[in-house]
């Protein structure tokens, strides 16, 4: 219909393509992109703990069920959950040493994932980043 309609469809298509690249990269580690996002948030807080609500606020996918994601990560031994002594209704979540080690392994494979974008020059990548940032400034 218009260049803006094409932009919207292209953005949806590209978002799905990037999500598939990330999922393919994380599959050998038995991680979903949402679980990976939680672990990266927790690594950024390390060694401090963070509440489930604070994790929710920082998630890329705001629709994620963070409590369920934390349960799965806890079952794998990658996070710990403790009652917050200042507010007993709140749970504090922190990454474990095993979770940090897992992220180190994932980080070592990151170049393979980024190779999907290497056909863009650094200037093109910077320009695309700027355009995407501008698109979200509504």
C-alpha atoms as a PDB file:
ATOM      1  CA  UNK A   1       0.000   0.000   0.000  1.00  0.00           C
ATOM      2  CA  UNK A   2       2.791   2.435   0.902  1.00  0.00           C
ATOM      3  CA  UNK A   3       6.423   2.639   1.873  1.00  0.00           C
ATOM      4  CA  UNK A   4       5.265   2.776   5.535  1.00  0.00           C
ATOM      5  CA  UNK A   5       3.208  -0.386   5.126  1.00  0.00           C
ATOM      6  CA  UNK A   6       6.243  -2.089   3.579  1.00  0.00           C
ATOM      7  CA  UNK A   7       8.348  -0.821   6.509  1.00  0.00           C
ATOM      8  CA  UNK A   8       5.941  -2.363   9.014  1.00  0.00           C
ATOM      9  CA  UNK A   9       5.890  -5.747   7.238  1.00  0.00           C
ATOM     10  CA  UNK A  10       9.662  -5.666   6.725  1.00  0.00           C
ATOM     11  CA  UNK A  11      10.183  -4.892  10.411  1.00  0.00           C
ATOM     12  CA  UNK A  12       7.968  -7.833  11.431  1.00  0.00           C
ATOM     13  CA  UNK A  13       9.758 -10.156   9.013  1.00  0.00           C
ATOM     14  CA  UNK A  14      13.202  -8.995  10.175  1.00  0.00           C
ATOM     15  CA  UNK A  15      12.252  -9.294  13.850  1.00  0.00           C
ATOM     16  CA  UNK A  16      11.185 -12.907  13.291  1.00  0.00           C
ATOM     17  CA  UNK A  17      14.383 -13.614  11.345  1.00  0.00           C
ATOM     18  CA  UNK A  18      16.565 -12.214  14.158  1.00  0.00           C
ATOM     19  CA  UNK A  19      14.562 -14.173  16.774  1.00  0.00           C
ATOM     20  CA  UNK A  20      15.154 -17.361  14.762  1.00  0.00           C
ATOM     21  CA  UNK A  21      18.908 -16.651  14.542  1.00  0.00           C
ATOM     22  CA  UNK A  22      19.060 -16.182  18.316  1.00  0.00           C
ATOM     23  CA  UNK A  23      16.949 -19.292  19.003  1.00  0.00           C
ATOM     24  CA  UNK A  24      19.195 -21.379  16.759  1.00  0.00           C
ATOM     25  CA  UNK A  25      22.252 -20.054  18.595  1.00  0.00           C
ATOM     26  CA  UNK A  26      20.786 -20.803  22.049  1.00  0.00           C
ATOM     27  CA  UNK A  27      19.312 -24.245  21.290  1.00  0.00           C
ATOM     28  CA  UNK A  28      22.536 -26.206  22.049  1.00  0.00           C
ATOM     29  CA  UNK A  29      22.557 -24.615  25.511  1.00  0.00           C
ATOM     30  CA  UNK A  30      18.929 -25.620  26.230  1.00  0.00           C
ATOM     31  CA  UNK A  31      17.993 -21.943  26.551  1.00  0.00           C
ATOM     32  CA  UNK A  32      15.098 -19.934  25.178  1.00  0.00           C
ATOM     33  CA  UNK A  33      15.711 -16.319  24.223  1.00  0.00           C
ATOM     34  CA  UNK A  34      13.540 -15.229  27.172  1.00  0.00           C
ATOM     35  CA  UNK A  35      15.558 -17.372  29.608  1.00  0.00           C
ATOM     36  CA  UNK A  36      18.752 -15.941  28.112  1.00  0.00           C
ATOM     37  CA  UNK A  37      17.373 -12.437  28.616  1.00  0.00           C
ATOM     38  CA  UNK A  38      16.684 -13.184  32.314  1.00  0.00           C
ATOM     39  CA  UNK A  39      20.177 -14.608  32.823  1.00  0.00           C
ATOM     40  CA  UNK A  40      21.789 -11.579  31.183  1.00  0.00           C
ATOM     41  CA  UNK A  41      19.743  -9.239  33.407  1.00  0.00           C
ATOM     42  CA  UNK A  42      20.844 -11.212  36.474  1.00  0.00           C
ATOM     43  CA  UNK A  43      24.480 -11.183  35.346  1.00  0.00           C
ATOM     44  CA  UNK A  44      24.234  -7.397  35.081  1.00  0.00           C
ATOM     45  CA  UNK A  45      23.094  -7.265  38.721  1.00  0.00           C
ATOM     46  CA  UNK A  46      25.639  -9.810  39.979  1.00  0.00           C
ATOM     47  CA  UNK A  47      26.426 -10.273  42.836  1.00  0.00           C
ATOM     48  CA  UNK A  48      23.254  -8.502  43.956  1.00  0.00           C
ATOM     49  CA  UNK A  49      19.819 -10.097  43.738  1.00  0.00           C
ATOM     50  CA  UNK A  50      16.870  -8.509  41.940  1.00  0.00           C
ATOM     51  CA  UNK A  51      13.103  -8.830  42.295  1.00  0.00           C
ATOM     52  CA  UNK A  52      10.889 -10.569  39.753  1.00  0.00           C
ATOM     53  CA  UNK A  53       9.164  -7.226  39.092  1.00  0.00           C
ATOM     54  CA  UNK A  54      12.487  -5.544  38.330  1.00  0.00           C
ATOM     55  CA  UNK A  55      13.335  -8.369  35.915  1.00  0.00           C
ATOM     56  CA  UNK A  56       9.936  -7.869  34.224  1.00  0.00           C
ATOM     57  CA  UNK A  57      10.659  -4.168  33.706  1.00  0.00           C
ATOM     58  CA  UNK A  58      13.969  -4.935  31.973  1.00  0.00           C
ATOM     59  CA  UNK A  59      12.775  -7.784  29.749  1.00  0.00           C
ATOM     60  CA  UNK A  60      12.857  -7.344  25.979  1.00  0.00           C
ATOM     61  CA  UNK A  61       9.694  -9.456  25.683  1.00  0.00           C
ATOM     62  CA  UNK A  62       7.338  -7.750  28.146  1.00  0.00           C
ATOM     63  CA  UNK A  63       4.759 -10.536  27.702  1.00  0.00           C
ATOM     64  CA  UNK A  64       7.058 -13.172  29.200  1.00  0.00           C
ATOM     65  CA  UNK A  65       5.926 -14.980  32.333  1.00  0.00           C
ATOM     66  CA  UNK A  66       9.020 -14.188  34.391  1.00  0.00           C
ATOM     67  CA  UNK A  67       7.999 -16.337  37.365  1.00  0.00           C
ATOM     68  CA  UNK A  68       7.733 -19.370  35.085  1.00  0.00           C
ATOM     69  CA  UNK A  69      11.065 -18.526  33.437  1.00  0.00           C
ATOM     70  CA  UNK A  70      12.734 -18.228  36.850  1.00  0.00           C
ATOM     71  CA  UNK A  71      11.250 -21.598  37.886  1.00  0.00           C
ATOM     72  CA  UNK A  72      12.768 -23.258  34.803  1.00  0.00           C
ATOM     73  CA  UNK A  73      16.137 -21.585  35.335  1.00  0.00           C
ATOM     74  CA  UNK A  74      16.091 -22.598  39.016  1.00  0.00           C
ATOM     75  CA  UNK A  75      15.354 -26.217  38.073  1.00  0.00           C
ATOM     76  CA  UNK A  76      18.452 -26.141  35.848  1.00  0.00           C
ATOM     77  CA  UNK A  77      20.545 -24.730  38.703  1.00  0.00           C
ATOM     78  CA  UNK A  78      21.241 -21.409  36.969  1.00  0.00           C
ATOM     79  CA  UNK A  79      19.411 -19.086  39.402  1.00  0.00           C
ATOM     80  CA  UNK A  80      18.544 -18.930  43.094  1.00  0.00           C
ATOM     81  CA  UNK A  81      15.379 -17.563  44.652  1.00  0.00           C
ATOM     82  CA  UNK A  82      15.250 -16.208  48.199  1.00  0.00           C
ATOM     83  CA  UNK A  83      12.643 -14.394  50.262  1.00  0.00           C
ATOM     84  CA  UNK A  84      13.386 -10.679  50.587  1.00  0.00           C
ATOM     85  CA  UNK A  85      13.719 -10.013  54.325  1.00  0.00           C
ATOM     86  CA  UNK A  86      12.557  -6.391  53.957  1.00  0.00           C
ATOM     87  CA  UNK A  87       9.378  -7.416  52.088  1.00  0.00           C
ATOM     88  CA  UNK A  88       8.503 -11.056  52.632  1.00  0.00           C
ATOM     89  CA  UNK A  89       5.988 -10.970  49.753  1.00  0.00           C
ATOM     90  CA  UNK A  90       8.846 -10.351  47.346  1.00  0.00           C
ATOM     91  CA  UNK A  91      11.313 -12.930  46.055  1.00  0.00           C
ATOM     92  CA  UNK A  92      14.912 -11.993  45.272  1.00  0.00           C
ATOM     93  CA  UNK A  93      16.468 -13.721  42.290  1.00  0.00           C
ATOM     94  CA  UNK A  94      20.191 -14.065  41.665  1.00  0.00           C
ATOM     95  CA  UNK A  95      22.346 -15.905  39.167  1.00  0.00           C
ATOM     96  CA  UNK A  96      24.384 -18.888  40.379  1.00  0.00           C
ATOM     97  CA  UNK A  97      27.986 -19.715  39.525  1.00  0.00           C
ATOM     98  CA  UNK A  98      26.613 -22.373  37.159  1.00  0.00           C
ATOM     99  CA  UNK A  99      24.506 -19.690  35.456  1.00  0.00           C
ATOM    100  CA  UNK A 100      27.549 -17.445  35.079  1.00  0.00           C
ATOM    101  CA  UNK A 101      29.542 -20.338  33.611  1.00  0.00           C
ATOM    102  CA  UNK A 102      26.742 -21.061  31.151  1.00  0.00           C
ATOM    103  CA  UNK A 103      26.748 -17.431  29.988  1.00  0.00           C
ATOM    104  CA  UNK A 104      30.522 -17.576  29.486  1.00  0.00           C
ATOM    105  CA  UNK A 105      30.013 -20.537  27.152  1.00  0.00           C
ATOM    106  CA  UNK A 106      27.226 -18.751  25.283  1.00  0.00           C
ATOM    107  CA  UNK A 107      29.408 -15.626  25.011  1.00  0.00           C
ATOM    108  CA  UNK A 108      32.175 -17.684  23.373  1.00  0.00           C
ATOM    109  CA  UNK A 109      29.752 -18.659  20.601  1.00  0.00           C
ATOM    110  CA  UNK A 110      28.400 -15.133  20.076  1.00  0.00           C
ATOM    111  CA  UNK A 111      30.623 -14.433  17.055  1.00  0.00           C
ATOM    112  CA  UNK A 112      28.798 -17.179  15.138  1.00  0.00           C
ATOM    113  CA  UNK A 113      25.506 -15.438  15.805  1.00  0.00           C
ATOM    114  CA  UNK A 114      26.852 -12.002  14.922  1.00  0.00           C
ATOM    115  CA  UNK A 115      28.208 -13.380  11.637  1.00  0.00           C
ATOM    116  CA  UNK A 116      24.645 -13.089  10.276  1.00  0.00           C
ATOM    117  CA  UNK A 117      25.117  -9.311  10.415  1.00  0.00           C
ATOM    118  CA  UNK A 118      28.721  -9.070   9.179  1.00  0.00           C
ATOM    119  CA  UNK A 119      27.698  -8.233   5.618  1.00  0.00           C
ATOM    120  CA  UNK A 120      26.783  -4.766   6.897  1.00  0.00           C
ATOM    121  CA  UNK A 121      29.625  -2.312   7.387  1.00  0.00           C
ATOM    122  CA  UNK A 122      30.063  -0.744  10.827  1.00  0.00           C
ATOM    123  CA  UNK A 123      28.694   2.511   9.394  1.00  0.00           C
ATOM    124  CA  UNK A 124      25.629   0.712   8.018  1.00  0.00           C
ATOM    125  CA  UNK A 125      25.083  -1.068  11.333  1.00  0.00           C
ATOM    126  CA  UNK A 126      25.355   2.246  13.202  1.00  0.00           C
ATOM    127  CA  UNK A 127      22.911   3.882  10.776  1.00  0.00           C
ATOM    128  CA  UNK A 128      20.441   1.001  11.107  1.00  0.00           C
ATOM    129  CA  UNK A 129      20.690   1.185  14.907  1.00  0.00           C
ATOM    130  CA  UNK A 130      19.934   4.896  14.759  1.00  0.00           C
ATOM    131  CA  UNK A 131      16.969   4.376  12.430  1.00  0.00           C
ATOM    132  CA  UNK A 132      15.517   1.628  14.633  1.00  0.00           C
ATOM    133  CA  UNK A 133      15.959   3.785  17.740  1.00  0.00           C
ATOM    134  CA  UNK A 134      14.169   6.633  15.932  1.00  0.00           C
ATOM    135  CA  UNK A 135      11.345   4.297  14.908  1.00  0.00           C
ATOM    136  CA  UNK A 136      10.619   3.460  18.552  1.00  0.00           C
ATOM    137  CA  UNK A 137      10.570   7.143  19.610  1.00  0.00           C
ATOM    138  CA  UNK A 138       6.877   7.645  18.974  1.00  0.00           C
END
